N, C-alpha and C. Protein backbone atom coordinates (compact mmCIF):
# COMPACT_ATOMS: atom_id res chain seq x y z
N MET A 1 -5.09 13.63 8.73
CA MET A 1 -5.83 13.16 7.57
C MET A 1 -7.09 12.47 8.08
N LYS A 2 -8.21 12.87 7.56
CA LYS A 2 -9.48 12.33 8.03
C LYS A 2 -9.83 11.05 7.27
N PRO A 3 -10.17 9.98 7.99
CA PRO A 3 -10.50 8.70 7.35
C PRO A 3 -11.67 8.77 6.38
N ASP A 4 -12.57 9.74 6.59
CA ASP A 4 -13.74 9.82 5.72
C ASP A 4 -13.58 10.84 4.59
N SER A 5 -12.37 11.37 4.41
CA SER A 5 -12.15 12.33 3.32
C SER A 5 -12.21 11.60 1.97
N LYS A 6 -12.47 12.35 0.94
CA LYS A 6 -12.61 11.77 -0.40
C LYS A 6 -11.32 11.07 -0.84
N LYS A 7 -10.18 11.71 -0.58
CA LYS A 7 -8.88 11.15 -0.99
C LYS A 7 -8.61 9.81 -0.30
N VAL A 8 -8.85 9.75 1.01
CA VAL A 8 -8.62 8.52 1.78
C VAL A 8 -9.59 7.43 1.34
N THR A 9 -10.84 7.79 1.13
CA THR A 9 -11.85 6.82 0.70
C THR A 9 -11.49 6.23 -0.67
N GLU A 10 -11.08 7.08 -1.59
CA GLU A 10 -10.68 6.60 -2.92
C GLU A 10 -9.46 5.67 -2.83
N PHE A 11 -8.50 6.03 -1.98
CA PHE A 11 -7.32 5.19 -1.78
C PHE A 11 -7.71 3.84 -1.20
N ARG A 12 -8.58 3.85 -0.18
CA ARG A 12 -9.03 2.61 0.46
C ARG A 12 -9.73 1.71 -0.55
N VAL A 13 -10.64 2.25 -1.32
CA VAL A 13 -11.40 1.45 -2.30
C VAL A 13 -10.45 0.88 -3.36
N ALA A 14 -9.51 1.67 -3.82
CA ALA A 14 -8.60 1.23 -4.87
C ALA A 14 -7.62 0.15 -4.39
N HIS A 15 -7.31 0.13 -3.09
CA HIS A 15 -6.27 -0.77 -2.58
C HIS A 15 -6.74 -1.73 -1.50
N GLU A 16 -8.05 -1.85 -1.27
CA GLU A 16 -8.52 -2.68 -0.16
C GLU A 16 -8.18 -4.15 -0.32
N GLY A 17 -8.00 -4.63 -1.53
CA GLY A 17 -7.65 -6.03 -1.75
C GLY A 17 -6.16 -6.29 -1.83
N THR A 18 -5.36 -5.26 -1.64
CA THR A 18 -3.91 -5.39 -1.73
C THR A 18 -3.36 -5.92 -0.41
N ASP A 19 -2.62 -7.03 -0.49
CA ASP A 19 -2.04 -7.62 0.72
C ASP A 19 -0.63 -7.12 1.00
N LEU A 20 0.11 -6.78 -0.06
CA LEU A 20 1.51 -6.37 0.08
C LEU A 20 1.76 -5.15 -0.78
N PHE A 21 2.30 -4.12 -0.17
CA PHE A 21 2.70 -2.91 -0.89
C PHE A 21 4.21 -2.94 -1.07
N VAL A 22 4.67 -2.74 -2.29
CA VAL A 22 6.10 -2.74 -2.59
C VAL A 22 6.51 -1.32 -2.98
N ILE A 23 7.49 -0.79 -2.28
CA ILE A 23 8.02 0.53 -2.58
C ILE A 23 9.43 0.34 -3.13
N LYS A 24 9.58 0.58 -4.43
CA LYS A 24 10.90 0.49 -5.06
C LYS A 24 11.64 1.81 -4.85
N GLU A 25 12.97 1.72 -4.85
CA GLU A 25 13.81 2.91 -4.65
C GLU A 25 13.44 3.63 -3.35
N ALA A 26 13.15 2.85 -2.32
CA ALA A 26 12.71 3.43 -1.04
C ALA A 26 13.77 4.31 -0.40
N LEU A 27 15.04 4.03 -0.65
CA LEU A 27 16.09 4.84 -0.04
C LEU A 27 16.23 6.20 -0.70
N ALA A 28 15.55 6.39 -1.82
CA ALA A 28 15.56 7.69 -2.49
C ALA A 28 14.41 8.57 -2.03
N ILE A 29 13.62 8.07 -1.09
CA ILE A 29 12.46 8.81 -0.59
C ILE A 29 12.85 9.48 0.73
N PRO A 30 12.62 10.79 0.86
CA PRO A 30 12.92 11.46 2.13
C PRO A 30 12.04 10.89 3.26
N PRO A 31 12.57 10.86 4.49
CA PRO A 31 11.81 10.30 5.62
C PRO A 31 10.43 10.91 5.83
N ALA A 32 10.27 12.19 5.54
CA ALA A 32 8.97 12.84 5.73
C ALA A 32 7.90 12.19 4.86
N TYR A 33 8.28 11.69 3.70
CA TYR A 33 7.31 11.04 2.82
C TYR A 33 6.82 9.72 3.42
N PHE A 34 7.70 9.03 4.14
CA PHE A 34 7.28 7.79 4.81
C PHE A 34 6.23 8.10 5.87
N ALA A 35 6.38 9.22 6.55
CA ALA A 35 5.38 9.63 7.54
C ALA A 35 4.05 9.91 6.86
N LEU A 36 4.07 10.53 5.69
CA LEU A 36 2.84 10.79 4.95
C LEU A 36 2.19 9.49 4.46
N ILE A 37 3.01 8.56 3.99
CA ILE A 37 2.49 7.27 3.55
C ILE A 37 1.84 6.54 4.72
N ASP A 38 2.52 6.56 5.87
CA ASP A 38 1.97 5.92 7.08
C ASP A 38 0.66 6.57 7.48
N GLU A 39 0.61 7.89 7.46
CA GLU A 39 -0.61 8.61 7.84
C GLU A 39 -1.77 8.26 6.90
N MET A 40 -1.51 8.22 5.60
CA MET A 40 -2.56 7.90 4.63
C MET A 40 -3.05 6.47 4.81
N MET A 41 -2.11 5.54 4.95
CA MET A 41 -2.50 4.13 5.06
C MET A 41 -3.20 3.84 6.38
N THR A 42 -2.79 4.52 7.45
CA THR A 42 -3.48 4.34 8.74
C THR A 42 -4.90 4.89 8.65
N ALA A 43 -5.06 6.04 8.03
CA ALA A 43 -6.40 6.62 7.88
C ALA A 43 -7.29 5.72 7.02
N ALA A 44 -6.69 5.08 6.01
CA ALA A 44 -7.47 4.24 5.10
C ALA A 44 -7.79 2.87 5.68
N PHE A 45 -6.81 2.23 6.31
CA PHE A 45 -6.97 0.82 6.70
C PHE A 45 -7.11 0.57 8.20
N ASN A 46 -6.88 1.59 9.02
CA ASN A 46 -7.06 1.46 10.46
C ASN A 46 -7.62 2.79 11.00
N PRO A 47 -8.79 3.20 10.47
CA PRO A 47 -9.32 4.52 10.82
C PRO A 47 -9.67 4.71 12.29
N LYS A 48 -9.92 3.63 13.01
CA LYS A 48 -10.26 3.74 14.42
C LYS A 48 -9.02 3.67 15.32
N HIS A 49 -7.84 3.60 14.69
CA HIS A 49 -6.56 3.54 15.40
C HIS A 49 -6.52 2.41 16.43
N GLN A 50 -6.95 1.24 16.00
CA GLN A 50 -6.90 0.08 16.89
C GLN A 50 -5.44 -0.32 17.10
N THR A 51 -5.11 -0.63 18.34
CA THR A 51 -3.74 -0.98 18.67
C THR A 51 -3.54 -2.49 18.60
N ASN A 52 -2.28 -2.90 18.53
CA ASN A 52 -1.97 -4.32 18.51
C ASN A 52 -1.92 -4.86 19.94
N ILE A 53 -1.51 -6.09 20.09
CA ILE A 53 -1.51 -6.75 21.40
C ILE A 53 -0.59 -6.06 22.41
N ARG A 54 0.45 -5.38 21.91
CA ARG A 54 1.39 -4.66 22.79
C ARG A 54 0.90 -3.25 23.11
N GLY A 55 -0.22 -2.86 22.52
CA GLY A 55 -0.75 -1.53 22.75
C GLY A 55 -0.19 -0.47 21.82
N ASP A 56 0.55 -0.90 20.79
CA ASP A 56 1.13 0.03 19.82
C ASP A 56 0.20 0.20 18.62
N LEU A 57 0.23 1.37 18.02
CA LEU A 57 -0.51 1.61 16.79
C LEU A 57 0.32 1.02 15.65
N PRO A 58 -0.20 0.01 14.94
CA PRO A 58 0.58 -0.62 13.88
C PRO A 58 0.87 0.36 12.74
N PRO A 59 2.10 0.36 12.23
CA PRO A 59 2.43 1.27 11.13
C PRO A 59 1.74 0.85 9.83
N PHE A 60 1.54 1.81 8.96
CA PHE A 60 1.01 1.60 7.61
C PHE A 60 -0.35 0.88 7.62
N GLY A 61 -1.16 1.20 8.59
CA GLY A 61 -2.51 0.65 8.65
C GLY A 61 -2.55 -0.85 8.74
N GLU A 62 -1.50 -1.43 9.29
CA GLU A 62 -1.36 -2.89 9.48
C GLU A 62 -1.20 -3.65 8.16
N LYS A 63 -0.83 -2.94 7.10
CA LYS A 63 -0.58 -3.59 5.82
C LYS A 63 0.88 -4.03 5.75
N LYS A 64 1.15 -5.07 5.00
CA LYS A 64 2.52 -5.54 4.81
C LYS A 64 3.22 -4.63 3.81
N MET A 65 4.46 -4.27 4.13
CA MET A 65 5.23 -3.37 3.29
C MET A 65 6.58 -4.02 2.96
N LEU A 66 7.03 -3.84 1.73
CA LEU A 66 8.35 -4.30 1.30
C LEU A 66 9.05 -3.10 0.69
N PHE A 67 10.17 -2.70 1.31
CA PHE A 67 10.93 -1.55 0.84
C PHE A 67 12.21 -2.03 0.17
N LEU A 68 12.42 -1.60 -1.05
CA LEU A 68 13.61 -1.98 -1.82
C LEU A 68 14.42 -0.73 -2.13
N GLY A 69 15.74 -0.86 -2.12
CA GLY A 69 16.57 0.29 -2.46
C GLY A 69 18.04 -0.07 -2.44
N ASP A 70 18.85 0.83 -2.94
CA ASP A 70 20.29 0.65 -3.06
C ASP A 70 20.98 1.79 -2.33
N GLN A 71 21.72 1.46 -1.26
CA GLN A 71 22.38 2.50 -0.48
C GLN A 71 23.52 3.18 -1.23
N ALA A 72 23.96 2.60 -2.33
CA ALA A 72 25.05 3.19 -3.09
C ALA A 72 24.57 4.25 -4.08
N GLN A 73 23.28 4.45 -4.15
CA GLN A 73 22.74 5.43 -5.10
C GLN A 73 22.85 6.84 -4.53
N PHE A 74 22.50 7.82 -5.33
CA PHE A 74 22.49 9.21 -4.89
C PHE A 74 21.42 9.41 -3.84
N PRO A 75 21.64 10.34 -2.91
CA PRO A 75 20.61 10.63 -1.90
C PRO A 75 19.40 11.29 -2.55
N PRO A 76 18.26 11.27 -1.87
CA PRO A 76 17.05 11.86 -2.44
C PRO A 76 17.18 13.37 -2.60
N THR A 77 16.43 13.91 -3.54
CA THR A 77 16.38 15.36 -3.68
C THR A 77 15.30 15.88 -2.74
N GLY A 78 15.52 17.02 -2.17
CA GLY A 78 14.52 17.64 -1.32
C GLY A 78 14.49 17.14 0.11
N GLY A 79 15.52 16.42 0.55
CA GLY A 79 15.53 15.96 1.93
C GLY A 79 16.65 14.98 2.17
N PRO A 80 16.88 14.64 3.44
CA PRO A 80 17.94 13.69 3.76
C PRO A 80 17.54 12.27 3.41
N ALA A 81 18.52 11.41 3.28
CA ALA A 81 18.26 10.00 3.03
C ALA A 81 17.80 9.33 4.31
N VAL A 82 17.03 8.26 4.19
CA VAL A 82 16.56 7.51 5.35
C VAL A 82 17.74 6.98 6.15
N TYR A 83 18.78 6.57 5.45
CA TYR A 83 19.94 5.95 6.09
C TYR A 83 20.98 6.98 6.51
N ASP A 84 20.75 8.27 6.29
CA ASP A 84 21.71 9.32 6.60
C ASP A 84 21.66 9.65 8.08
N ASP A 85 22.82 9.65 8.72
CA ASP A 85 22.87 9.99 10.14
C ASP A 85 23.30 11.43 10.37
N GLY A 86 23.38 12.19 9.29
CA GLY A 86 23.75 13.60 9.39
C GLY A 86 25.20 13.88 9.15
N ARG A 87 26.05 12.86 9.22
CA ARG A 87 27.48 13.07 9.03
C ARG A 87 27.85 13.24 7.56
N THR A 88 27.07 12.63 6.66
CA THR A 88 27.40 12.68 5.24
C THR A 88 27.41 14.12 4.74
N VAL A 89 26.38 14.87 5.05
CA VAL A 89 26.30 16.26 4.61
C VAL A 89 27.40 17.08 5.26
N CYS A 90 27.60 16.89 6.55
CA CYS A 90 28.64 17.65 7.27
C CYS A 90 30.01 17.35 6.70
N ASN A 91 30.32 16.09 6.44
CA ASN A 91 31.62 15.73 5.91
C ASN A 91 31.83 16.29 4.51
N SER A 92 30.80 16.28 3.66
CA SER A 92 30.96 16.80 2.32
C SER A 92 31.15 18.32 2.35
N LEU A 93 30.48 19.01 3.26
CA LEU A 93 30.66 20.46 3.38
C LEU A 93 32.06 20.77 3.90
N LYS A 94 32.55 19.98 4.85
CA LYS A 94 33.88 20.18 5.40
C LYS A 94 34.92 19.98 4.31
N THR A 95 34.74 18.94 3.49
CA THR A 95 35.67 18.66 2.41
C THR A 95 35.68 19.82 1.40
N LYS A 96 34.52 20.35 1.09
CA LYS A 96 34.43 21.47 0.14
C LYS A 96 35.14 22.70 0.71
N ARG A 97 34.97 22.96 2.00
CA ARG A 97 35.62 24.12 2.63
C ARG A 97 37.13 23.94 2.63
N GLU A 98 37.60 22.74 2.94
CA GLU A 98 39.03 22.48 2.99
C GLU A 98 39.67 22.57 1.62
N ALA A 99 38.90 22.24 0.58
CA ALA A 99 39.44 22.24 -0.77
C ALA A 99 39.71 23.65 -1.29
N LYS A 100 39.06 24.64 -0.71
CA LYS A 100 39.20 26.03 -1.21
C LYS A 100 40.48 26.65 -0.81
């Protein structure tokens, strides 16, 4: 994602005064979407990819993030849950096969 693209520029202008981003129902979001959010926010708020004191690229363009969610809810559609270690799908498929 290019920092000078129209989409990134519009996002930066609309949110430049925001100190804290709150993502509700974060556990219902597939992990790939978090990567896209990180890419967009880094392009908007840290376009030169400046690293922190440890030499790491700060996630989410160095903005503060608060993720809220309920692990007891249904998993996201279109992808695995953030908290899924892969056993949930395997176990449910095994149970379905055994039930037949």
